[in-house]
Amino acid sequence: ILFSRALWRRIRVFINKHFYKNKYEYRTEWLKFINTLSTYGNRDVRQVALYAVMDVIKSTSGVLFYLDPSGKSFLPVATAFSESELGGKDDFVKKIENIENKEWIQFIQNRMWIIDLEEYKKDPLIYKNIQVPQWITKANKWRLISPIFLLDELVGFLLLDEPPPPFDFNYEDRDLLLTLGRHIAIHLSQ
């Protein structure tokens, strides 16, 4: 038990939650997030939702994938990156089809978990050796795959790049991204 990585990870999280200062000033971040979502004007609400999350986590690039009406594919409905990256926005039309057969989608759905691609590359066993698509892992640009849940159903996910250093992805980032994902799911469904 003393050498269990999972046990030590839980102990570190418990100590950090109860004895150390928070990484985020949650009131400030929440007000900023809500303000961004509520002032979209005539812009696409999906694009605004992507920017609102990116602003909180300090990512400079991202893609919002959302479930199509058939419920069988995730489509990129909002992007935020420069034209020179990944061949430009028009070339970035990746679609995740047959979601029930994609083990990494099922992993996110079943575990309600964010995939930290840096951690995934170092220790795939943490993620049950799932196969994340090569167009995501080979780009060396993306850092996080953050789910968007409406109730307990996966309706989308965010693909976010590495925030500026120093960035140490921890339980606070996970909790915050999961909460923001649930909020934008409600926002987009309305």
C-alpha atoms as a PDB file:
ATOM      1  CA  ILE A   1       0.000   0.000   0.000  1.00  0.00           C
ATOM      2  CA  LEU A   2       2.878   2.393   0.782  1.00  0.00           C
ATOM      3  CA  PHE A   3       4.144   2.195  -2.795  1.00  0.00           C
ATOM      4  CA  SER A   4       0.799   2.623  -4.520  1.00  0.00           C
ATOM      5  CA  ARG A   5       0.879   5.661  -6.833  1.00  0.00           C
ATOM      6  CA  ALA A   6      -2.887   6.060  -6.694  1.00  0.00           C
ATOM      7  CA  LEU A   7      -2.862   6.167  -2.891  1.00  0.00           C
ATOM      8  CA  TRP A   8      -0.054   8.735  -2.806  1.00  0.00           C
ATOM      9  CA  ARG A   9      -1.865  10.837  -5.407  1.00  0.00           C
ATOM     10  CA  ARG A  10      -5.011  10.870  -3.218  1.00  0.00           C
ATOM     11  CA  ILE A  11      -2.975  11.794  -0.134  1.00  0.00           C
ATOM     12  CA  ARG A  12      -1.295  14.692  -2.008  1.00  0.00           C
ATOM     13  CA  VAL A  13      -4.671  15.974  -3.222  1.00  0.00           C
ATOM     14  CA  PHE A  14      -6.134  15.771   0.285  1.00  0.00           C
ATOM     15  CA  ILE A  15      -3.189  17.691   1.764  1.00  0.00           C
ATOM     16  CA  ASN A  16      -3.278  20.312  -0.996  1.00  0.00           C
ATOM     17  CA  LYS A  17      -7.038  20.814  -0.685  1.00  0.00           C
ATOM     18  CA  HIS A  18      -6.940  21.295   3.066  1.00  0.00           C
ATOM     19  CA  PHE A  19      -3.593  22.910   3.846  1.00  0.00           C
ATOM     20  CA  TYR A  20      -2.438  24.989   0.867  1.00  0.00           C
ATOM     21  CA  LYS A  21      -3.614  28.105  -0.947  1.00  0.00           C
ATOM     22  CA  ASN A  22      -5.827  27.580  -4.000  1.00  0.00           C
ATOM     23  CA  LYS A  23      -4.338  27.964  -7.462  1.00  0.00           C
ATOM     24  CA  TYR A  24      -7.318  30.036  -8.655  1.00  0.00           C
ATOM     25  CA  GLU A  25      -9.252  32.907  -7.196  1.00  0.00           C
ATOM     26  CA  TYR A  26     -12.555  31.187  -7.947  1.00  0.00           C
ATOM     27  CA  ARG A  27     -14.849  34.146  -7.461  1.00  0.00           C
ATOM     28  CA  THR A  28     -12.831  36.254  -9.912  1.00  0.00           C
ATOM     29  CA  GLU A  29     -12.521  33.436 -12.446  1.00  0.00           C
ATOM     30  CA  TRP A  30     -16.228  32.611 -12.257  1.00  0.00           C
ATOM     31  CA  LEU A  31     -17.314  36.228 -12.718  1.00  0.00           C
ATOM     32  CA  LYS A  32     -14.940  36.625 -15.666  1.00  0.00           C
ATOM     33  CA  PHE A  33     -16.228  33.375 -17.218  1.00  0.00           C
ATOM     34  CA  ILE A  34     -19.900  34.357 -16.805  1.00  0.00           C
ATOM     35  CA  ASN A  35     -19.201  37.841 -18.154  1.00  0.00           C
ATOM     36  CA  THR A  36     -17.556  36.396 -21.267  1.00  0.00           C
ATOM     37  CA  LEU A  37     -20.473  34.010 -21.868  1.00  0.00           C
ATOM     38  CA  SER A  38     -23.113  36.682 -21.396  1.00  0.00           C
ATOM     39  CA  THR A  39     -21.588  39.336 -23.652  1.00  0.00           C
ATOM     40  CA  TYR A  40     -21.267  37.427 -26.905  1.00  0.00           C
ATOM     41  CA  GLY A  41     -23.468  39.823 -28.887  1.00  0.00           C
ATOM     42  CA  ASN A  42     -23.850  38.583 -32.463  1.00  0.00           C
ATOM     43  CA  ARG A  43     -20.913  36.136 -32.273  1.00  0.00           C
ATOM     44  CA  ASP A  44     -21.425  32.358 -32.367  1.00  0.00           C
ATOM     45  CA  VAL A  45     -22.204  31.167 -28.832  1.00  0.00           C
ATOM     46  CA  ARG A  46     -20.023  28.054 -29.345  1.00  0.00           C
ATOM     47  CA  GLN A  47     -17.026  30.200 -30.234  1.00  0.00           C
ATOM     48  CA  VAL A  48     -17.634  32.386 -27.193  1.00  0.00           C
ATOM     49  CA  ALA A  49     -17.910  29.310 -24.947  1.00  0.00           C
ATOM     50  CA  LEU A  50     -14.551  28.050 -26.249  1.00  0.00           C
ATOM     51  CA  TYR A  51     -12.906  31.429 -25.636  1.00  0.00           C
ATOM     52  CA  ALA A  52     -14.422  31.663 -22.151  1.00  0.00           C
ATOM     53  CA  VAL A  53     -12.835  28.351 -21.095  1.00  0.00           C
ATOM     54  CA  MET A  54      -9.540  29.167 -22.806  1.00  0.00           C
ATOM     55  CA  ASP A  55      -9.414  32.475 -20.949  1.00  0.00           C
ATOM     56  CA  VAL A  56      -9.776  30.807 -17.555  1.00  0.00           C
ATOM     57  CA  ILE A  57      -7.167  28.092 -18.203  1.00  0.00           C
ATOM     58  CA  LYS A  58      -4.932  30.518 -20.183  1.00  0.00           C
ATOM     59  CA  SER A  59      -4.747  28.358 -23.316  1.00  0.00           C
ATOM     60  CA  THR A  60      -4.039  30.164 -26.569  1.00  0.00           C
ATOM     61  CA  SER A  61      -5.507  27.544 -28.919  1.00  0.00           C
ATOM     62  CA  GLY A  62      -8.449  25.222 -28.728  1.00  0.00           C
ATOM     63  CA  VAL A  63     -11.177  23.326 -30.515  1.00  0.00           C
ATOM     64  CA  LEU A  64     -14.710  22.653 -29.298  1.00  0.00           C
ATOM     65  CA  PHE A  65     -16.163  19.362 -30.534  1.00  0.00           C
ATOM     66  CA  TYR A  66     -19.888  18.869 -30.058  1.00  0.00           C
ATOM     67  CA  LEU A  67     -22.189  15.917 -30.637  1.00  0.00           C
ATOM     68  CA  ASP A  68     -24.056  16.094 -33.941  1.00  0.00           C
ATOM     69  CA  PRO A  69     -27.862  15.672 -33.959  1.00  0.00           C
ATOM     70  CA  SER A  70     -27.583  11.984 -34.904  1.00  0.00           C
ATOM     71  CA  GLY A  71     -25.597  11.315 -31.711  1.00  0.00           C
ATOM     72  CA  LYS A  72     -22.966   9.314 -33.623  1.00  0.00           C
ATOM     73  CA  SER A  73     -20.242  11.883 -34.324  1.00  0.00           C
ATOM     74  CA  PHE A  74     -18.417  14.742 -32.673  1.00  0.00           C
ATOM     75  CA  LEU A  75     -17.866  17.698 -34.987  1.00  0.00           C
ATOM     76  CA  PRO A  76     -15.540  20.679 -34.519  1.00  0.00           C
ATOM     77  CA  VAL A  77     -18.002  23.537 -34.040  1.00  0.00           C
ATOM     78  CA  ALA A  78     -15.545  26.205 -32.833  1.00  0.00           C
ATOM     79  CA  THR A  79     -11.809  26.678 -33.294  1.00  0.00           C
ATOM     80  CA  ALA A  80      -9.281  29.124 -31.955  1.00  0.00           C
ATOM     81  CA  PHE A  81      -5.822  28.914 -33.449  1.00  0.00           C
ATOM     82  CA  SER A  82      -3.804  30.791 -36.038  1.00  0.00           C
ATOM     83  CA  GLU A  83      -4.165  30.018 -39.754  1.00  0.00           C
ATOM     84  CA  SER A  84      -0.615  28.620 -39.934  1.00  0.00           C
ATOM     85  CA  GLU A  85      -1.235  25.996 -37.258  1.00  0.00           C
ATOM     86  CA  LEU A  86      -2.292  22.515 -38.378  1.00  0.00           C
ATOM     87  CA  GLY A  87      -2.782  23.669 -41.964  1.00  0.00           C
ATOM     88  CA  GLY A  88      -5.286  26.366 -41.104  1.00  0.00           C
ATOM     89  CA  LYS A  89      -8.851  26.291 -39.859  1.00  0.00           C
ATOM     90  CA  ASP A  90     -10.364  25.146 -43.161  1.00  0.00           C
ATOM     91  CA  ASP A  91      -8.170  22.024 -43.219  1.00  0.00           C
ATOM     92  CA  PHE A  92      -9.041  21.179 -39.633  1.00  0.00           C
ATOM     93  CA  VAL A  93     -12.266  19.346 -40.233  1.00  0.00           C
ATOM     94  CA  LYS A  94     -11.627  16.291 -38.110  1.00  0.00           C
ATOM     95  CA  LYS A  95     -14.735  14.397 -37.207  1.00  0.00           C
ATOM     96  CA  ILE A  96     -14.949  11.702 -34.548  1.00  0.00           C
ATOM     97  CA  GLU A  97     -17.394   9.105 -35.928  1.00  0.00           C
ATOM     98  CA  ASN A  98     -18.897   5.967 -34.415  1.00  0.00           C
ATOM     99  CA  ILE A  99     -18.352   7.243 -30.912  1.00  0.00           C
ATOM    100  CA  GLU A 100     -19.629   4.073 -29.301  1.00  0.00           C
ATOM    101  CA  ASN A 101     -16.608   2.244 -30.783  1.00  0.00           C
ATOM    102  CA  LYS A 102     -13.982   4.754 -29.701  1.00  0.00           C
ATOM    103  CA  GLU A 103     -12.373   3.537 -26.501  1.00  0.00           C
ATOM    104  CA  TRP A 104     -10.983   6.948 -25.571  1.00  0.00           C
ATOM    105  CA  ILE A 105     -14.453   8.505 -25.901  1.00  0.00           C
ATOM    106  CA  GLN A 106     -15.885   5.682 -23.770  1.00  0.00           C
ATOM    107  CA  PHE A 107     -13.088   6.223 -21.218  1.00  0.00           C
ATOM    108  CA  ILE A 108     -13.996   9.910 -20.902  1.00  0.00           C
ATOM    109  CA  GLN A 109     -17.712   9.078 -20.695  1.00  0.00           C
ATOM    110  CA  ASN A 110     -17.391   6.285 -18.141  1.00  0.00           C
ATOM    111  CA  ARG A 111     -14.748   7.859 -15.907  1.00  0.00           C
ATOM    112  CA  MET A 112     -15.863  11.499 -16.394  1.00  0.00           C
ATOM    113  CA  TRP A 113     -12.193  12.278 -16.665  1.00  0.00           C
ATOM    114  CA  ILE A 114      -9.960  14.814 -18.403  1.00  0.00           C
ATOM    115  CA  ILE A 115      -7.128  13.401 -20.493  1.00  0.00           C
ATOM    116  CA  ASP A 116      -3.845  15.156 -19.822  1.00  0.00           C
ATOM    117  CA  LEU A 117      -1.916  14.269 -22.982  1.00  0.00           C
ATOM    118  CA  GLU A 118       1.453  14.888 -21.345  1.00  0.00           C
ATOM    119  CA  GLU A 119       0.593  12.413 -18.582  1.00  0.00           C
ATOM    120  CA  TYR A 120      -0.895  10.042 -21.170  1.00  0.00           C
ATOM    121  CA  LYS A 121       2.371   9.968 -23.152  1.00  0.00           C
ATOM    122  CA  LYS A 122       4.440   9.329 -20.018  1.00  0.00           C
ATOM    123  CA  ASP A 123       2.213   6.689 -18.431  1.00  0.00           C
ATOM    124  CA  PRO A 124      -0.598   5.302 -20.623  1.00  0.00           C
ATOM    125  CA  LEU A 125      -1.521   2.793 -17.913  1.00  0.00           C
ATOM    126  CA  ILE A 126      -3.192   5.618 -15.967  1.00  0.00           C
ATOM    127  CA  TYR A 127      -5.577   5.829 -18.915  1.00  0.00           C
ATOM    128  CA  LYS A 128      -6.000   2.046 -19.294  1.00  0.00           C
ATOM    129  CA  ASN A 129      -3.828   2.073 -22.464  1.00  0.00           C
ATOM    130  CA  ILE A 130      -6.582   3.661 -24.531  1.00  0.00           C
ATOM    131  CA  GLN A 131      -5.683   4.761 -28.048  1.00  0.00           C
ATOM    132  CA  VAL A 132      -6.067   8.520 -28.506  1.00  0.00           C
ATOM    133  CA  PRO A 133      -6.125   9.448 -32.233  1.00  0.00           C
ATOM    134  CA  GLN A 134      -2.722  10.133 -33.742  1.00  0.00           C
ATOM    135  CA  TRP A 135      -3.810  13.462 -35.202  1.00  0.00           C
ATOM    136  CA  ILE A 136      -4.168  14.632 -31.589  1.00  0.00           C
ATOM    137  CA  THR A 137      -1.061  13.023 -30.059  1.00  0.00           C
ATOM    138  CA  LYS A 138       1.344  13.580 -32.963  1.00  0.00           C
ATOM    139  CA  ALA A 139       0.646  17.313 -33.188  1.00  0.00           C
ATOM    140  CA  ASN A 140       2.606  17.944 -29.943  1.00  0.00           C
ATOM    141  CA  LYS A 141       0.447  21.005 -29.588  1.00  0.00           C
ATOM    142  CA  TRP A 142      -2.501  19.748 -27.595  1.00  0.00           C
ATOM    143  CA  ARG A 143      -2.331  19.210 -23.850  1.00  0.00           C
ATOM    144  CA  LEU A 144      -5.861  18.572 -22.564  1.00  0.00           C
ATOM    145  CA  ILE A 145      -9.010  16.797 -23.710  1.00  0.00           C
ATOM    146  CA  SER A 146     -11.692  18.150 -21.420  1.00  0.00           C
ATOM    147  CA  PRO A 147     -15.208  16.664 -21.533  1.00  0.00           C
ATOM    148  CA  ILE A 148     -18.472  18.553 -21.747  1.00  0.00           C
ATOM    149  CA  PHE A 149     -21.242  16.747 -19.873  1.00  0.00           C
ATOM    150  CA  LEU A 150     -24.942  17.539 -19.922  1.00  0.00           C
ATOM    151  CA  LEU A 151     -26.236  15.715 -16.873  1.00  0.00           C
ATOM    152  CA  ASP A 152     -24.156  12.538 -17.184  1.00  0.00           C
ATOM    153  CA  GLU A 153     -24.054  12.363 -20.973  1.00  0.00           C
ATOM    154  CA  LEU A 154     -20.936  13.312 -22.912  1.00  0.00           C
ATOM    155  CA  VAL A 155     -22.111  15.909 -25.438  1.00  0.00           C
ATOM    156  CA  GLY A 156     -18.758  17.332 -26.425  1.00  0.00           C
ATOM    157  CA  PHE A 157     -15.173  17.946 -25.501  1.00  0.00           C
ATOM    158  CA  LEU A 158     -12.571  20.659 -25.630  1.00  0.00           C
ATOM    159  CA  LEU A 159      -9.139  20.143 -27.102  1.00  0.00           C
ATOM    160  CA  LEU A 160      -6.845  22.709 -25.459  1.00  0.00           C
ATOM    161  CA  ASP A 161      -3.194  23.543 -25.981  1.00  0.00           C
ATOM    162  CA  GLU A 162      -0.511  23.892 -23.323  1.00  0.00           C
ATOM    163  CA  PRO A 163      -1.091  26.970 -21.130  1.00  0.00           C
ATOM    164  CA  PRO A 164       1.961  29.183 -20.632  1.00  0.00           C
ATOM    165  CA  PRO A 165       4.588  28.054 -18.126  1.00  0.00           C
ATOM    166  CA  PRO A 166       4.676  27.414 -15.328  1.00  0.00           C
ATOM    167  CA  PHE A 167       1.729  25.066 -15.749  1.00  0.00           C
ATOM    168  CA  ASP A 168       1.304  22.118 -13.456  1.00  0.00           C
ATOM    169  CA  PHE A 169      -1.997  20.375 -14.221  1.00  0.00           C
ATOM    170  CA  ASN A 170      -3.536  19.318 -10.921  1.00  0.00           C
ATOM    171  CA  TYR A 171      -6.839  18.497  -9.205  1.00  0.00           C
ATOM    172  CA  GLU A 172      -7.884  22.174  -9.154  1.00  0.00           C
ATOM    173  CA  ASP A 173      -7.536  22.432 -12.923  1.00  0.00           C
ATOM    174  CA  ARG A 174      -9.493  19.182 -13.325  1.00  0.00           C
ATOM    175  CA  ASP A 175     -12.298  20.295 -11.022  1.00  0.00           C
ATOM    176  CA  LEU A 176     -12.503  23.717 -12.634  1.00  0.00           C
ATOM    177  CA  LEU A 177     -12.511  22.402 -16.219  1.00  0.00           C
ATOM    178  CA  LEU A 178     -15.171  19.803 -15.432  1.00  0.00           C
ATOM    179  CA  THR A 179     -17.350  22.492 -13.839  1.00  0.00           C
ATOM    180  CA  LEU A 180     -16.840  24.891 -16.756  1.00  0.00           C
ATOM    181  CA  GLY A 181     -17.645  22.064 -19.168  1.00  0.00           C
ATOM    182  CA  ARG A 182     -20.936  21.361 -17.420  1.00  0.00           C
ATOM    183  CA  HIS A 183     -21.805  25.057 -17.482  1.00  0.00           C
ATOM    184  CA  ILE A 184     -21.141  25.496 -21.190  1.00  0.00           C
ATOM    185  CA  ALA A 185     -23.138  22.299 -21.896  1.00  0.00           C
ATOM    186  CA  ILE A 186     -26.173  23.942 -20.307  1.00  0.00           C
ATOM    187  CA  HIS A 187     -25.393  27.222 -22.055  1.00  0.00           C
ATOM    188  CA  LEU A 188     -25.102  25.541 -25.483  1.00  0.00           C
ATOM    189  CA  SER A 189     -28.185  23.383 -24.993  1.00  0.00           C
ATOM    190  CA  GLN A 190     -30.275  26.492 -24.324  1.00  0.00           C
END
